[in-house]
Amino acid sequence: MSSLESVIVEIRAAEGGADAKLLVEEQLAIYVRLGGRRSL
């Protein structure tokens, strides 16, 4: 696996209001934890 200095991840809520916002927040938390574990 190559070494990266920064990663850009775009997560869009689209339609769904508050439920979509909660889903995006959960997905972001997952990606942040994964990046931390892999030192990204």
C-alpha atoms as a PDB file:
ATOM      1  CA  MET A   1       0.000   0.000   0.000  1.00  0.00           C
ATOM      2  CA  SER A   2       1.342   3.440  -0.864  1.00  0.00           C
ATOM      3  CA  SER A   3       1.917   6.189   1.684  1.00  0.00           C
ATOM      4  CA  LEU A   4      -0.446   9.151   1.424  1.00  0.00           C
ATOM      5  CA  GLU A   5      -0.143  12.520   3.114  1.00  0.00           C
ATOM      6  CA  SER A   6      -3.806  13.453   2.752  1.00  0.00           C
ATOM      7  CA  VAL A   7      -7.055  11.863   1.723  1.00  0.00           C
ATOM      8  CA  ILE A   8     -10.193  13.540   0.431  1.00  0.00           C
ATOM      9  CA  VAL A   9     -13.474  11.729   0.944  1.00  0.00           C
ATOM     10  CA  GLU A  10     -16.747  13.277  -0.171  1.00  0.00           C
ATOM     11  CA  ILE A  11     -19.930  12.024   1.464  1.00  0.00           C
ATOM     12  CA  ARG A  12     -23.201  13.577   0.365  1.00  0.00           C
ATOM     13  CA  ALA A  13     -26.465  13.351   2.270  1.00  0.00           C
ATOM     14  CA  ALA A  14     -28.625  14.080  -0.807  1.00  0.00           C
ATOM     15  CA  GLU A  15     -32.291  13.788   0.169  1.00  0.00           C
ATOM     16  CA  GLY A  16     -33.571  12.517   3.479  1.00  0.00           C
ATOM     17  CA  GLY A  17     -33.328  15.393   5.910  1.00  0.00           C
ATOM     18  CA  ALA A  18     -32.236  14.572   9.444  1.00  0.00           C
ATOM     19  CA  ASP A  19     -31.918  10.831   8.755  1.00  0.00           C
ATOM     20  CA  ALA A  20     -29.539  11.432   5.867  1.00  0.00           C
ATOM     21  CA  LYS A  21     -27.480  13.791   8.020  1.00  0.00           C
ATOM     22  CA  LEU A  22     -27.151  11.143  10.733  1.00  0.00           C
ATOM     23  CA  LEU A  23     -26.063   8.550   8.173  1.00  0.00           C
ATOM     24  CA  VAL A  24     -23.371  10.891   6.831  1.00  0.00           C
ATOM     25  CA  GLU A  25     -22.130  11.605  10.362  1.00  0.00           C
ATOM     26  CA  GLU A  26     -21.860   7.854  11.049  1.00  0.00           C
ATOM     27  CA  GLN A  27     -20.041   7.242   7.773  1.00  0.00           C
ATOM     28  CA  LEU A  28     -17.611  10.069   8.502  1.00  0.00           C
ATOM     29  CA  ALA A  29     -16.852   8.639  11.944  1.00  0.00           C
ATOM     30  CA  ILE A  30     -16.156   5.232  10.377  1.00  0.00           C
ATOM     31  CA  TYR A  31     -13.766   6.697   7.789  1.00  0.00           C
ATOM     32  CA  VAL A  32     -11.978   8.790  10.437  1.00  0.00           C
ATOM     33  CA  ARG A  33     -11.443   5.694  12.624  1.00  0.00           C
ATOM     34  CA  LEU A  34     -10.265   3.653   9.638  1.00  0.00           C
ATOM     35  CA  GLY A  35      -7.855   6.398   8.580  1.00  0.00           C
ATOM     36  CA  GLY A  36      -6.507   6.601  12.114  1.00  0.00           C
ATOM     37  CA  ARG A  37      -5.906   2.868  12.252  1.00  0.00           C
ATOM     38  CA  ARG A  38      -4.105   2.929   8.916  1.00  0.00           C
ATOM     39  CA  SER A  39      -2.209   6.157   9.717  1.00  0.00           C
ATOM     40  CA  LEU A  40      -3.749   8.081   6.812  1.00  0.00           C
END
